[in-house]
């Protein structure tokens, strides 16, 4: 009887699952419009009082996107004031919508990868999973790996799409 050989295991391929770098924690938004007079005007005294009275603990440990969905002119100091309250309690806070926060956190997670183990390796970036990874992660991992990898492929080790091969 012939021995079954796992050629994928012997191929020397390194697999990266981008789900391993998926942003952790809830992403919420803080909308400045909720603190504007008539949803359009920022009155400094009222705004400051609202910020002082707000229970900032509701943002503890969350990833917060700071936005203003109203068509209003907001003084820049107002964003700064909100951030001074968010920064101590939020896991992460920045100006931008939830999608921006998701992408930023993904990029931060990918930036922490030690690229040394991937030097001159054949790498497969896993293509299927349970979470929505998105284009930003696939583009960024390719940007990071291209200078060090021997080759980069997309998919599963048994069925890959070639993306990059180092010229010899």
N, C-alpha and C. Protein backbone atom coordinates (compact mmCIF):
# COMPACT_ATOMS: atom_id res chain seq x y z
N UNK A 1 0.84 -1.17 0.00
CA UNK A 1 0.00 0.00 0.00
C UNK A 1 0.89 1.24 0.00
N UNK A 2 0.56 2.20 -0.85
CA UNK A 2 1.34 3.42 -0.95
C UNK A 2 1.07 4.34 0.24
N UNK A 3 2.14 4.94 0.74
CA UNK A 3 2.02 5.88 1.84
C UNK A 3 1.44 7.19 1.31
N UNK A 4 0.52 7.76 2.08
CA UNK A 4 -0.06 9.05 1.70
C UNK A 4 0.90 10.15 2.15
N UNK A 5 1.27 10.98 1.21
CA UNK A 5 2.22 12.05 1.48
C UNK A 5 1.50 13.39 1.40
N UNK A 6 1.65 14.20 2.42
CA UNK A 6 1.06 15.54 2.45
C UNK A 6 2.03 16.50 1.77
N UNK A 7 1.82 16.70 0.50
CA UNK A 7 2.72 17.55 -0.27
C UNK A 7 2.62 19.01 0.14
N UNK A 8 1.43 19.43 0.61
CA UNK A 8 1.26 20.81 1.07
C UNK A 8 2.15 21.05 2.29
N UNK A 9 2.16 20.11 3.23
CA UNK A 9 2.98 20.26 4.44
C UNK A 9 4.46 20.29 4.10
N UNK A 10 4.86 19.58 3.05
CA UNK A 10 6.27 19.52 2.66
C UNK A 10 6.68 20.65 1.72
N UNK A 11 5.75 21.47 1.32
CA UNK A 11 6.02 22.49 0.30
C UNK A 11 6.86 23.66 0.81
N UNK A 12 6.96 23.82 2.11
CA UNK A 12 7.70 24.96 2.66
C UNK A 12 6.94 26.27 2.60
N UNK A 13 5.65 26.18 2.39
CA UNK A 13 4.83 27.38 2.34
C UNK A 13 4.55 27.89 3.75
N UNK A 14 4.61 29.19 3.91
CA UNK A 14 4.22 29.84 5.16
C UNK A 14 2.84 30.45 4.93
N UNK A 15 1.88 30.13 5.79
CA UNK A 15 0.53 30.66 5.64
C UNK A 15 0.28 31.76 6.66
N UNK A 16 -0.29 32.86 6.18
CA UNK A 16 -0.69 33.95 7.06
C UNK A 16 -2.21 34.08 6.96
N UNK A 17 -2.84 34.02 8.11
CA UNK A 17 -4.29 34.19 8.18
C UNK A 17 -4.55 35.60 8.70
N UNK A 18 -5.08 36.45 7.84
CA UNK A 18 -5.30 37.85 8.23
C UNK A 18 -6.34 38.00 9.34
N UNK A 19 -7.14 36.97 9.56
CA UNK A 19 -8.09 37.03 10.67
C UNK A 19 -7.37 37.08 12.02
N UNK A 20 -6.12 36.60 12.05
CA UNK A 20 -5.34 36.65 13.29
C UNK A 20 -5.02 38.08 13.70
N UNK A 21 -5.15 39.02 12.77
CA UNK A 21 -4.82 40.42 13.02
C UNK A 21 -6.07 41.31 13.04
N UNK A 22 -7.22 40.67 13.08
CA UNK A 22 -8.51 41.38 13.04
C UNK A 22 -8.61 42.32 14.25
N UNK A 23 -9.08 43.53 14.04
CA UNK A 23 -9.23 44.47 15.17
C UNK A 23 -10.14 43.92 16.26
N UNK A 24 -9.69 44.05 17.47
CA UNK A 24 -10.44 43.57 18.63
C UNK A 24 -11.23 44.71 19.26
N UNK A 25 -12.35 44.39 19.84
CA UNK A 25 -13.15 45.37 20.57
C UNK A 25 -14.22 46.02 19.72
N UNK A 26 -15.21 46.50 20.39
CA UNK A 26 -16.35 47.14 19.73
C UNK A 26 -15.93 48.49 19.14
N UNK A 27 -16.48 48.80 17.98
CA UNK A 27 -16.24 50.10 17.35
C UNK A 27 -17.54 50.88 17.39
N UNK A 28 -17.48 52.08 17.97
CA UNK A 28 -18.65 52.95 18.08
C UNK A 28 -18.27 54.34 17.57
N UNK A 29 -19.27 55.17 17.34
CA UNK A 29 -18.99 56.55 16.92
C UNK A 29 -19.53 57.53 17.95
N UNK A 30 -18.83 58.63 18.05
CA UNK A 30 -19.26 59.77 18.85
C UNK A 30 -19.59 60.85 17.84
N UNK A 31 -20.88 61.19 17.73
CA UNK A 31 -21.33 62.16 16.72
C UNK A 31 -21.53 63.52 17.37
N UNK A 32 -20.76 64.49 16.92
CA UNK A 32 -20.82 65.85 17.45
C UNK A 32 -22.21 66.48 17.26
N UNK A 33 -22.93 66.05 16.23
CA UNK A 33 -24.23 66.68 15.94
C UNK A 33 -25.19 66.55 17.13
N UNK A 34 -25.00 65.51 17.93
CA UNK A 34 -25.88 65.30 19.08
C UNK A 34 -25.70 66.37 20.16
N UNK A 35 -24.69 67.20 20.03
CA UNK A 35 -24.38 68.21 21.04
C UNK A 35 -24.42 69.63 20.48
N UNK A 36 -25.06 69.78 19.34
CA UNK A 36 -25.20 71.08 18.70
C UNK A 36 -26.58 71.66 18.97
N UNK A 37 -26.66 72.96 19.11
CA UNK A 37 -27.94 73.65 19.25
C UNK A 37 -28.68 73.55 17.94
N UNK A 38 -29.89 73.04 18.00
CA UNK A 38 -30.75 72.81 16.82
C UNK A 38 -30.04 71.93 15.77
N UNK A 39 -29.09 71.13 16.23
CA UNK A 39 -28.38 70.23 15.34
C UNK A 39 -27.48 70.92 14.33
N UNK A 40 -27.23 72.23 14.54
CA UNK A 40 -26.48 72.99 13.55
C UNK A 40 -25.41 73.92 14.10
N UNK A 41 -25.58 74.36 15.35
CA UNK A 41 -24.71 75.41 15.88
C UNK A 41 -24.06 74.94 17.17
N UNK A 42 -22.77 75.16 17.28
CA UNK A 42 -22.08 74.84 18.51
C UNK A 42 -22.03 76.11 19.37
N UNK A 43 -22.70 76.04 20.50
CA UNK A 43 -22.63 77.12 21.48
C UNK A 43 -21.62 76.69 22.53
N UNK A 44 -20.55 77.44 22.63
CA UNK A 44 -19.43 77.00 23.46
C UNK A 44 -19.83 76.66 24.89
N UNK A 45 -20.57 77.53 25.56
CA UNK A 45 -20.93 77.30 26.95
C UNK A 45 -21.76 76.02 27.10
N UNK A 46 -22.76 75.86 26.23
CA UNK A 46 -23.61 74.66 26.28
C UNK A 46 -22.82 73.40 25.93
N UNK A 47 -21.97 73.51 24.94
CA UNK A 47 -21.17 72.36 24.51
C UNK A 47 -20.24 71.91 25.64
N UNK A 48 -19.57 72.86 26.26
CA UNK A 48 -18.67 72.52 27.37
C UNK A 48 -19.43 71.88 28.52
N UNK A 49 -20.61 72.40 28.81
CA UNK A 49 -21.43 71.84 29.89
C UNK A 49 -21.86 70.41 29.53
N UNK A 50 -22.22 70.19 28.28
CA UNK A 50 -22.61 68.84 27.83
C UNK A 50 -21.45 67.86 27.96
N UNK A 51 -20.27 68.31 27.59
CA UNK A 51 -19.09 67.43 27.66
C UNK A 51 -18.75 67.11 29.12
N UNK A 52 -18.93 68.10 29.99
CA UNK A 52 -18.64 67.89 31.41
C UNK A 52 -19.66 66.94 32.04
N UNK A 53 -20.90 67.00 31.59
CA UNK A 53 -21.97 66.19 32.17
C UNK A 53 -22.03 64.77 31.58
N UNK A 54 -21.42 64.57 30.45
CA UNK A 54 -21.50 63.28 29.76
C UNK A 54 -20.80 62.17 30.54
N UNK A 55 -21.41 61.00 30.59
CA UNK A 55 -20.80 59.84 31.23
C UNK A 55 -19.84 59.19 30.23
N UNK A 56 -18.59 59.53 30.33
CA UNK A 56 -17.58 59.04 29.39
C UNK A 56 -17.27 57.57 29.60
N UNK A 57 -17.69 57.01 30.71
CA UNK A 57 -17.45 55.59 30.99
C UNK A 57 -18.14 54.68 29.96
N UNK A 58 -19.15 55.18 29.29
CA UNK A 58 -19.81 54.38 28.26
C UNK A 58 -18.86 54.03 27.11
N UNK A 59 -17.75 54.74 27.01
CA UNK A 59 -16.77 54.49 25.95
C UNK A 59 -15.56 53.68 26.44
N UNK A 60 -15.59 53.28 27.72
CA UNK A 60 -14.46 52.55 28.29
C UNK A 60 -14.19 51.27 27.50
N UNK A 61 -12.92 51.14 27.07
CA UNK A 61 -12.49 49.93 26.37
C UNK A 61 -12.97 49.79 24.94
N UNK A 62 -13.69 50.77 24.43
CA UNK A 62 -14.21 50.70 23.07
C UNK A 62 -13.30 51.47 22.12
N UNK A 63 -13.45 51.19 20.85
CA UNK A 63 -12.75 51.93 19.79
C UNK A 63 -13.74 52.95 19.26
N UNK A 64 -13.37 54.22 19.35
CA UNK A 64 -14.34 55.29 19.08
C UNK A 64 -13.92 56.14 17.88
N UNK A 65 -14.85 56.30 16.97
CA UNK A 65 -14.67 57.20 15.84
C UNK A 65 -15.39 58.50 16.13
N UNK A 66 -14.69 59.59 16.03
CA UNK A 66 -15.25 60.92 16.27
C UNK A 66 -15.68 61.52 14.94
N UNK A 67 -16.97 61.83 14.82
CA UNK A 67 -17.52 62.35 13.57
C UNK A 67 -18.49 63.49 13.85
N UNK A 68 -18.86 64.18 12.78
CA UNK A 68 -19.98 65.11 12.83
C UNK A 68 -20.78 64.88 11.56
N UNK A 69 -21.97 64.31 11.70
CA UNK A 69 -22.79 63.99 10.54
C UNK A 69 -23.70 65.15 10.13
N UNK A 70 -23.69 66.22 10.90
CA UNK A 70 -24.47 67.40 10.54
C UNK A 70 -23.64 68.30 9.62
N UNK A 71 -24.33 69.02 8.79
CA UNK A 71 -23.66 69.98 7.92
C UNK A 71 -23.49 71.27 8.72
N UNK A 72 -22.49 71.23 9.62
CA UNK A 72 -22.27 72.35 10.53
C UNK A 72 -20.79 72.68 10.56
N UNK A 73 -20.49 73.91 10.86
CA UNK A 73 -19.11 74.32 11.03
C UNK A 73 -18.77 74.13 12.51
N UNK A 74 -17.83 73.23 12.74
CA UNK A 74 -17.43 72.92 14.12
C UNK A 74 -16.03 73.50 14.33
N UNK A 75 -15.85 74.30 15.37
CA UNK A 75 -14.50 74.80 15.64
C UNK A 75 -13.57 73.64 15.99
N UNK A 76 -12.35 73.73 15.56
CA UNK A 76 -11.40 72.64 15.75
C UNK A 76 -11.15 72.31 17.22
N UNK A 77 -11.21 73.31 18.08
CA UNK A 77 -10.99 73.06 19.50
C UNK A 77 -12.04 72.11 20.07
N UNK A 78 -13.24 72.08 19.47
CA UNK A 78 -14.31 71.21 19.97
C UNK A 78 -13.93 69.73 19.80
N UNK A 79 -13.31 69.39 18.67
CA UNK A 79 -12.84 68.02 18.47
C UNK A 79 -11.76 67.68 19.50
N UNK A 80 -10.91 68.66 19.76
CA UNK A 80 -9.85 68.47 20.74
C UNK A 80 -10.43 68.23 22.13
N UNK A 81 -11.48 69.00 22.48
CA UNK A 81 -12.12 68.85 23.77
C UNK A 81 -12.73 67.46 23.93
N UNK A 82 -13.40 66.99 22.89
CA UNK A 82 -13.98 65.64 22.94
C UNK A 82 -12.88 64.61 23.11
N UNK A 83 -11.80 64.76 22.36
CA UNK A 83 -10.71 63.78 22.43
C UNK A 83 -10.05 63.75 23.80
N UNK A 84 -9.99 64.90 24.48
CA UNK A 84 -9.39 64.90 25.82
C UNK A 84 -10.22 64.06 26.79
N UNK A 85 -11.49 63.91 26.50
CA UNK A 85 -12.36 63.07 27.34
C UNK A 85 -12.36 61.61 26.90
N UNK A 86 -12.24 61.37 25.59
CA UNK A 86 -12.24 60.00 25.08
C UNK A 86 -10.93 59.27 25.35
N UNK A 87 -9.83 59.97 25.20
CA UNK A 87 -8.51 59.33 25.26
C UNK A 87 -8.28 58.52 26.55
N UNK A 88 -8.65 59.03 27.71
CA UNK A 88 -8.37 58.24 28.93
C UNK A 88 -9.21 56.97 29.08
N UNK A 89 -10.37 56.90 28.42
CA UNK A 89 -11.26 55.75 28.64
C UNK A 89 -11.35 54.81 27.44
N UNK A 90 -11.24 55.32 26.25
CA UNK A 90 -11.38 54.48 25.06
C UNK A 90 -10.14 53.63 24.84
N UNK A 91 -10.34 52.46 24.26
CA UNK A 91 -9.21 51.64 23.84
C UNK A 91 -8.42 52.38 22.77
N UNK A 92 -9.17 52.97 21.82
CA UNK A 92 -8.58 53.76 20.74
C UNK A 92 -9.62 54.77 20.32
N UNK A 93 -9.21 55.98 20.03
CA UNK A 93 -10.11 57.01 19.55
C UNK A 93 -9.40 57.85 18.50
N UNK A 94 -10.13 58.19 17.45
CA UNK A 94 -9.57 59.02 16.38
C UNK A 94 -10.70 59.67 15.62
N UNK A 95 -10.36 60.71 14.87
CA UNK A 95 -11.36 61.35 14.02
C UNK A 95 -11.61 60.43 12.82
N UNK A 96 -12.85 60.08 12.59
CA UNK A 96 -13.22 59.25 11.46
C UNK A 96 -14.39 58.36 11.81
N UNK A 97 -15.02 57.84 10.75
CA UNK A 97 -16.18 56.96 10.97
C UNK A 97 -15.73 55.56 11.38
N UNK A 98 -16.69 54.67 11.64
CA UNK A 98 -16.39 53.32 12.11
C UNK A 98 -15.50 52.57 11.11
N UNK A 99 -15.73 52.75 9.82
CA UNK A 99 -14.92 52.07 8.82
C UNK A 99 -13.48 52.54 8.87
N UNK A 100 -13.28 53.83 9.06
CA UNK A 100 -11.93 54.37 9.19
C UNK A 100 -11.23 53.78 10.42
N UNK A 101 -11.95 53.69 11.53
CA UNK A 101 -11.37 53.15 12.76
C UNK A 101 -10.99 51.69 12.54
N UNK A 102 -11.87 50.91 11.91
CA UNK A 102 -11.61 49.50 11.61
C UNK A 102 -10.34 49.36 10.77
N UNK A 103 -10.23 50.15 9.72
CA UNK A 103 -9.06 50.07 8.84
C UNK A 103 -7.79 50.51 9.56
N UNK A 104 -7.88 51.55 10.35
CA UNK A 104 -6.72 52.04 11.09
C UNK A 104 -6.22 50.99 12.08
N UNK A 105 -7.15 50.37 12.81
CA UNK A 105 -6.75 49.35 13.77
C UNK A 105 -6.14 48.14 13.05
N UNK A 106 -6.69 47.78 11.90
CA UNK A 106 -6.14 46.67 11.12
C UNK A 106 -4.70 46.99 10.69
N UNK A 107 -4.50 48.19 10.18
CA UNK A 107 -3.16 48.60 9.76
C UNK A 107 -2.18 48.61 10.94
N UNK A 108 -2.64 49.05 12.09
CA UNK A 108 -1.79 49.05 13.29
C UNK A 108 -1.40 47.63 13.67
N UNK A 109 -2.35 46.71 13.61
CA UNK A 109 -2.07 45.32 13.96
C UNK A 109 -1.08 44.70 12.98
N UNK A 110 -1.25 44.96 11.70
CA UNK A 110 -0.35 44.41 10.69
C UNK A 110 1.05 45.01 10.81
N UNK A 111 1.14 46.25 11.23
CA UNK A 111 2.44 46.91 11.37
C UNK A 111 3.31 46.26 12.45
N UNK A 112 2.69 45.51 13.33
CA UNK A 112 3.42 44.86 14.43
C UNK A 112 4.04 43.51 14.01
N UNK A 113 3.78 43.07 12.80
CA UNK A 113 4.30 41.77 12.35
C UNK A 113 5.82 41.81 12.23
N UNK A 114 6.45 40.80 12.79
CA UNK A 114 7.90 40.63 12.63
C UNK A 114 8.12 39.99 11.26
N UNK A 115 8.71 40.71 10.36
CA UNK A 115 8.90 40.23 8.99
C UNK A 115 10.09 39.29 8.83
N UNK A 116 10.99 39.25 9.79
CA UNK A 116 12.20 38.43 9.69
C UNK A 116 11.91 36.96 9.36
N UNK A 117 10.92 36.32 9.99
CA UNK A 117 10.66 34.90 9.69
C UNK A 117 10.18 34.66 8.25
N UNK A 118 9.80 35.70 7.55
CA UNK A 118 9.27 35.54 6.19
C UNK A 118 10.31 35.85 5.11
N UNK A 119 11.54 36.13 5.53
CA UNK A 119 12.60 36.47 4.58
C UNK A 119 12.88 35.28 3.66
N UNK A 120 12.78 35.51 2.35
CA UNK A 120 13.00 34.50 1.31
C UNK A 120 12.09 33.28 1.44
N UNK A 121 10.90 33.47 1.95
CA UNK A 121 9.92 32.38 2.09
C UNK A 121 8.84 32.51 1.03
N UNK A 122 8.21 31.37 0.79
CA UNK A 122 7.03 31.32 -0.08
C UNK A 122 5.83 31.47 0.85
N UNK A 123 5.04 32.51 0.63
CA UNK A 123 3.98 32.85 1.57
C UNK A 123 2.62 32.78 0.89
N UNK A 124 1.67 32.18 1.61
CA UNK A 124 0.28 32.15 1.17
C UNK A 124 -0.52 33.00 2.13
N UNK A 125 -1.24 33.96 1.58
CA UNK A 125 -2.15 34.77 2.39
C UNK A 125 -3.51 34.10 2.28
N UNK A 126 -3.98 33.58 3.40
CA UNK A 126 -5.23 32.84 3.43
C UNK A 126 -6.36 33.71 2.88
N UNK A 127 -7.18 33.11 2.04
CA UNK A 127 -8.20 33.87 1.35
C UNK A 127 -9.61 33.74 1.88
N UNK A 128 -9.92 32.68 2.58
CA UNK A 128 -11.29 32.48 3.05
C UNK A 128 -11.31 32.45 4.57
N UNK A 129 -12.39 32.93 5.12
CA UNK A 129 -12.50 32.91 6.57
C UNK A 129 -13.90 33.29 7.02
N UNK A 130 -14.03 33.45 8.30
CA UNK A 130 -15.33 33.76 8.89
C UNK A 130 -15.57 35.26 9.05
N UNK A 131 -14.50 36.05 9.03
CA UNK A 131 -14.63 37.49 9.25
C UNK A 131 -14.38 38.25 7.96
N UNK A 132 -14.97 39.44 7.89
CA UNK A 132 -14.74 40.33 6.74
C UNK A 132 -13.39 41.00 6.94
N UNK A 133 -12.44 40.57 6.14
CA UNK A 133 -11.09 41.11 6.28
C UNK A 133 -10.97 42.42 5.50
N UNK A 134 -11.32 42.43 4.26
CA UNK A 134 -11.32 43.66 3.48
C UNK A 134 -10.03 43.93 2.73
N UNK A 135 -10.14 44.78 1.75
CA UNK A 135 -9.05 45.08 0.84
C UNK A 135 -7.85 45.72 1.53
N UNK A 136 -8.10 46.55 2.54
CA UNK A 136 -7.00 47.26 3.18
C UNK A 136 -5.99 46.29 3.78
N UNK A 137 -6.46 45.20 4.37
CA UNK A 137 -5.55 44.23 4.99
C UNK A 137 -4.76 43.46 3.93
N UNK A 138 -5.43 43.07 2.84
CA UNK A 138 -4.72 42.33 1.78
C UNK A 138 -3.69 43.20 1.09
N UNK A 139 -4.03 44.45 0.85
CA UNK A 139 -3.08 45.36 0.22
C UNK A 139 -1.90 45.63 1.15
N UNK A 140 -2.17 45.84 2.43
CA UNK A 140 -1.10 46.16 3.38
C UNK A 140 -0.16 44.98 3.61
N UNK A 141 -0.70 43.78 3.75
CA UNK A 141 0.18 42.63 3.99
C UNK A 141 1.08 42.40 2.77
N UNK A 142 0.56 42.67 1.59
CA UNK A 142 1.37 42.55 0.38
C UNK A 142 2.48 43.60 0.36
N UNK A 143 2.13 44.82 0.72
CA UNK A 143 3.12 45.90 0.78
C UNK A 143 4.23 45.56 1.77
N UNK A 144 3.85 45.00 2.91
CA UNK A 144 4.84 44.67 3.94
C UNK A 144 5.73 43.50 3.54
N UNK A 145 5.14 42.49 2.91
CA UNK A 145 5.88 41.27 2.61
C UNK A 145 6.70 41.32 1.33
N UNK A 146 6.29 42.11 0.37
CA UNK A 146 6.95 42.11 -0.94
C UNK A 146 8.47 42.29 -0.86
N UNK A 147 8.97 43.21 -0.05
CA UNK A 147 10.43 43.38 0.01
C UNK A 147 11.19 42.18 0.58
N UNK A 148 10.53 41.31 1.34
CA UNK A 148 11.24 40.21 2.00
C UNK A 148 10.91 38.83 1.45
N UNK A 149 9.74 38.65 0.87
CA UNK A 149 9.27 37.33 0.47
C UNK A 149 9.89 36.86 -0.84
N UNK A 150 10.03 35.54 -0.93
CA UNK A 150 10.44 34.92 -2.19
C UNK A 150 9.26 34.93 -3.16
N UNK A 151 8.08 34.61 -2.62
CA UNK A 151 6.85 34.69 -3.41
C UNK A 151 5.67 34.90 -2.48
N UNK A 152 4.62 35.49 -3.04
CA UNK A 152 3.38 35.73 -2.30
C UNK A 152 2.24 35.17 -3.15
N UNK A 153 1.40 34.40 -2.47
CA UNK A 153 0.23 33.81 -3.13
C UNK A 153 -1.01 34.09 -2.30
N UNK A 154 -2.15 33.98 -2.94
CA UNK A 154 -3.43 34.20 -2.28
C UNK A 154 -4.22 32.91 -2.36
N UNK A 155 -4.93 32.59 -1.30
CA UNK A 155 -5.82 31.43 -1.31
C UNK A 155 -5.50 30.45 -0.21
N UNK A 156 -5.56 29.16 -0.55
CA UNK A 156 -5.25 28.08 0.37
C UNK A 156 -4.02 27.35 -0.20
N UNK A 157 -3.19 26.73 0.67
CA UNK A 157 -1.98 26.06 0.16
C UNK A 157 -2.25 25.04 -0.96
N UNK A 158 -3.42 24.44 -0.97
CA UNK A 158 -3.71 23.45 -2.00
C UNK A 158 -4.21 24.10 -3.30
N UNK A 159 -4.54 25.36 -3.26
CA UNK A 159 -5.07 26.05 -4.44
C UNK A 159 -4.78 27.54 -4.31
N UNK A 160 -3.67 27.97 -4.88
CA UNK A 160 -3.26 29.36 -4.71
C UNK A 160 -3.28 30.13 -6.02
N UNK A 161 -3.39 31.44 -5.87
CA UNK A 161 -3.28 32.36 -7.00
C UNK A 161 -1.96 33.11 -6.80
N UNK A 162 -1.02 33.00 -7.75
CA UNK A 162 0.24 33.72 -7.60
C UNK A 162 0.02 35.23 -7.67
N UNK A 163 0.69 35.95 -6.77
CA UNK A 163 0.58 37.40 -6.71
C UNK A 163 1.92 38.07 -7.02
N UNK A 164 2.98 37.47 -6.45
CA UNK A 164 4.32 38.07 -6.60
C UNK A 164 5.36 36.98 -6.56
N UNK A 165 6.37 37.11 -7.39
CA UNK A 165 7.53 36.21 -7.35
C UNK A 165 8.78 37.06 -7.56
N UNK A 166 9.72 36.90 -6.62
CA UNK A 166 10.96 37.67 -6.67
C UNK A 166 11.75 37.25 -7.92
N UNK A 167 12.23 38.24 -8.63
CA UNK A 167 13.06 37.99 -9.80
C UNK A 167 14.46 37.62 -9.33
N UNK A 168 15.00 36.58 -9.91
CA UNK A 168 16.32 36.10 -9.49
C UNK A 168 17.42 36.77 -10.26
